[in-house]
Amino acid sequence: MKKKVKVVAAVIENNQEEVLCALRAHDMSIPNKWEFPGGKVEEGENLQQALEREIQEELRCDIKAENVIYDHTHEYDSFIINLIALEANIVSGTPVATEHAKLIWLPKENLDSVIWAPADIPAVETLIKQTERAHS
């Protein structure tokens, strides 16, 4: 039976309606693919606490995690990931890539211009659709 992992991901926007995207390093699983930054939910943490801790560890900045915007389960070859994307805002600091190869801010309508990790794709599609609806 495959291991199931519960993961939270931050959809962090800046005031230009751009979203923070993180490129997985070549030594990570699913290398050289883009993702929303985040990580595993630890025992006893709620989703917001887990995300705030992970972003502090990974990006060296403080966020306020808000509402769940997407909850999706994706099956990879060796494990199953339950990816829960949450809206988040930076409270203090500037994101720094300590584990990822690169960080970029992308306009929501251009999120499909990079190659995403498969588990993140449904959240990306949801954000693009929301943006299209807001602008129509």
Protein backbone atom coordinates (compact mmCIF):
# COMPACT_ATOMS: atom_id res chain seq x y z
CA MET A 1 0.00 0.00 0.00
CA LYS A 2 1.26 3.44 -0.94
CA LYS A 3 2.10 5.97 1.74
CA LYS A 4 -0.40 8.83 1.94
CA VAL A 5 1.01 12.27 2.74
CA LYS A 6 -1.05 15.30 3.81
CA VAL A 7 0.53 18.49 2.52
CA VAL A 8 -0.40 22.17 2.74
CA ALA A 9 0.55 24.67 0.05
CA ALA A 10 0.57 28.47 0.21
CA VAL A 11 -1.04 30.55 -2.50
CA ILE A 12 0.68 33.81 -1.57
CA GLU A 13 -0.37 36.88 -3.55
CA ASN A 14 1.30 40.25 -3.73
CA ASN A 15 -0.61 43.44 -4.43
CA GLN A 16 -0.06 43.15 -8.19
CA GLU A 17 -2.22 40.00 -8.28
CA GLU A 18 0.85 37.85 -8.73
CA VAL A 19 1.31 34.50 -7.00
CA LEU A 20 4.54 33.17 -5.48
CA CYS A 21 5.75 30.05 -7.34
CA ALA A 22 8.64 27.83 -6.22
CA LEU A 23 10.84 25.66 -8.46
CA ARG A 24 11.66 22.29 -6.91
CA ALA A 25 15.42 21.73 -6.69
CA HIS A 26 17.07 18.99 -8.77
CA ASP A 27 17.70 16.89 -5.64
CA MET A 28 14.04 16.94 -4.49
CA SER A 29 11.43 14.38 -5.52
CA ILE A 30 9.61 15.59 -8.65
CA PRO A 31 12.64 17.80 -9.52
CA ASN A 32 12.58 20.92 -11.71
CA LYS A 33 8.80 21.32 -11.51
CA TRP A 34 7.00 24.33 -10.08
CA GLU A 35 4.83 24.19 -6.97
CA PHE A 36 3.16 26.34 -4.38
CA PRO A 37 5.52 26.34 -1.37
CA GLY A 38 4.53 24.42 1.74
CA GLY A 39 5.00 21.00 3.26
CA LYS A 40 3.72 18.17 5.43
CA VAL A 41 1.16 18.63 8.18
CA GLU A 42 2.65 17.41 11.48
CA GLU A 43 0.72 15.57 14.19
CA GLY A 44 -1.41 17.96 16.25
CA GLU A 45 -1.22 20.89 13.80
CA ASN A 46 -4.17 22.41 12.00
CA LEU A 47 -3.73 23.35 8.33
CA GLN A 48 -2.97 27.01 9.03
CA GLN A 49 -0.39 26.25 11.75
CA ALA A 50 1.35 23.71 9.50
CA LEU A 51 1.53 26.13 6.59
CA GLU A 52 2.79 29.04 8.69
CA ARG A 53 5.54 26.80 10.15
CA GLU A 54 6.55 25.34 6.78
CA ILE A 55 6.81 28.77 5.10
CA GLN A 56 8.92 30.09 8.01
CA GLU A 57 11.25 27.06 7.63
CA GLU A 58 11.38 27.08 3.81
CA LEU A 59 11.14 30.75 2.86
CA ARG A 60 12.32 32.55 6.02
CA CYS A 61 9.27 34.83 6.16
CA ASP A 62 6.10 34.97 8.20
CA ILE A 63 2.67 34.45 6.67
CA LYS A 64 -0.92 34.43 7.83
CA ALA A 65 -2.61 31.33 6.41
CA GLU A 66 -6.26 31.86 5.53
CA ASN A 67 -9.00 29.84 3.81
CA VAL A 68 -8.66 26.56 1.93
CA ILE A 69 -9.02 27.24 -1.79
CA TYR A 70 -8.38 23.75 -3.10
CA ASP A 71 -8.18 20.23 -1.67
CA HIS A 72 -6.99 17.54 -4.08
CA THR A 73 -5.59 14.02 -3.79
CA HIS A 74 -3.06 12.94 -6.41
CA GLU A 75 -1.53 9.50 -6.82
CA TYR A 76 2.13 9.38 -7.83
CA ASP A 77 4.00 6.15 -8.63
CA SER A 78 5.35 5.68 -5.11
CA PHE A 79 2.98 7.68 -2.85
CA ILE A 80 -0.36 9.49 -2.61
CA ILE A 81 -0.46 13.18 -1.78
CA ASN A 82 -3.43 15.06 -0.33
CA LEU A 83 -2.56 18.63 -1.33
CA ILE A 84 -4.53 21.36 0.41
CA ALA A 85 -3.91 24.85 -0.97
CA LEU A 86 -4.63 27.82 1.29
CA GLU A 87 -4.71 31.55 0.67
CA ALA A 88 -1.86 33.24 2.52
CA ASN A 89 -0.44 36.70 3.01
CA ILE A 90 3.08 37.73 3.95
CA VAL A 91 3.08 39.36 7.39
CA SER A 92 6.81 40.07 7.64
CA GLY A 93 10.00 39.39 5.73
CA THR A 94 10.71 38.63 2.09
CA PRO A 95 10.58 35.05 0.76
CA VAL A 96 14.03 33.49 0.26
CA ALA A 97 14.63 30.20 -1.60
CA THR A 98 16.41 28.08 1.03
CA GLU A 99 15.27 24.69 -0.31
CA HIS A 100 13.92 25.52 -3.77
CA ALA A 101 16.02 26.28 -6.84
CA LYS A 102 14.15 29.52 -7.54
CA LEU A 103 11.18 31.67 -6.52
CA ILE A 104 9.19 33.86 -8.93
CA TRP A 105 6.06 36.00 -8.82
CA LEU A 106 3.72 35.15 -11.69
CA PRO A 107 0.48 36.89 -12.69
CA LYS A 108 -2.43 34.50 -12.08
CA GLU A 109 -3.36 34.46 -15.78
CA ASN A 110 0.20 33.30 -16.63
CA LEU A 111 0.42 30.45 -14.11
CA ASP A 112 0.14 27.93 -16.94
CA SER A 113 3.36 29.27 -18.53
CA VAL A 114 5.55 27.03 -16.31
CA ILE A 115 5.58 23.25 -15.79
CA TRP A 116 3.89 22.37 -12.51
CA ALA A 117 4.22 19.30 -10.30
CA PRO A 118 1.17 17.14 -11.14
CA ALA A 119 -0.42 17.48 -7.69
CA ASP A 120 -0.42 21.31 -8.00
CA ILE A 121 -2.07 21.46 -11.45
CA PRO A 122 -5.73 21.38 -10.27
CA ALA A 123 -5.07 24.30 -7.89
CA VAL A 124 -3.37 26.23 -10.73
CA GLU A 125 -6.36 25.59 -13.01
CA THR A 126 -8.75 26.76 -10.27
CA LEU A 127 -6.81 30.02 -9.80
CA ILE A 128 -6.73 30.69 -13.56
CA LYS A 129 -10.50 30.12 -13.83
CA GLN A 130 -11.17 32.43 -10.86
CA THR A 131 -9.05 35.14 -12.54
CA GLU A 132 -10.85 34.73 -15.87
CA ARG A 133 -14.24 35.01 -14.12
CA ALA A 134 -13.12 38.11 -12.20
CA HIS A 135 -12.00 39.82 -15.43
CA SER A 136 -15.03 38.94 -17.56
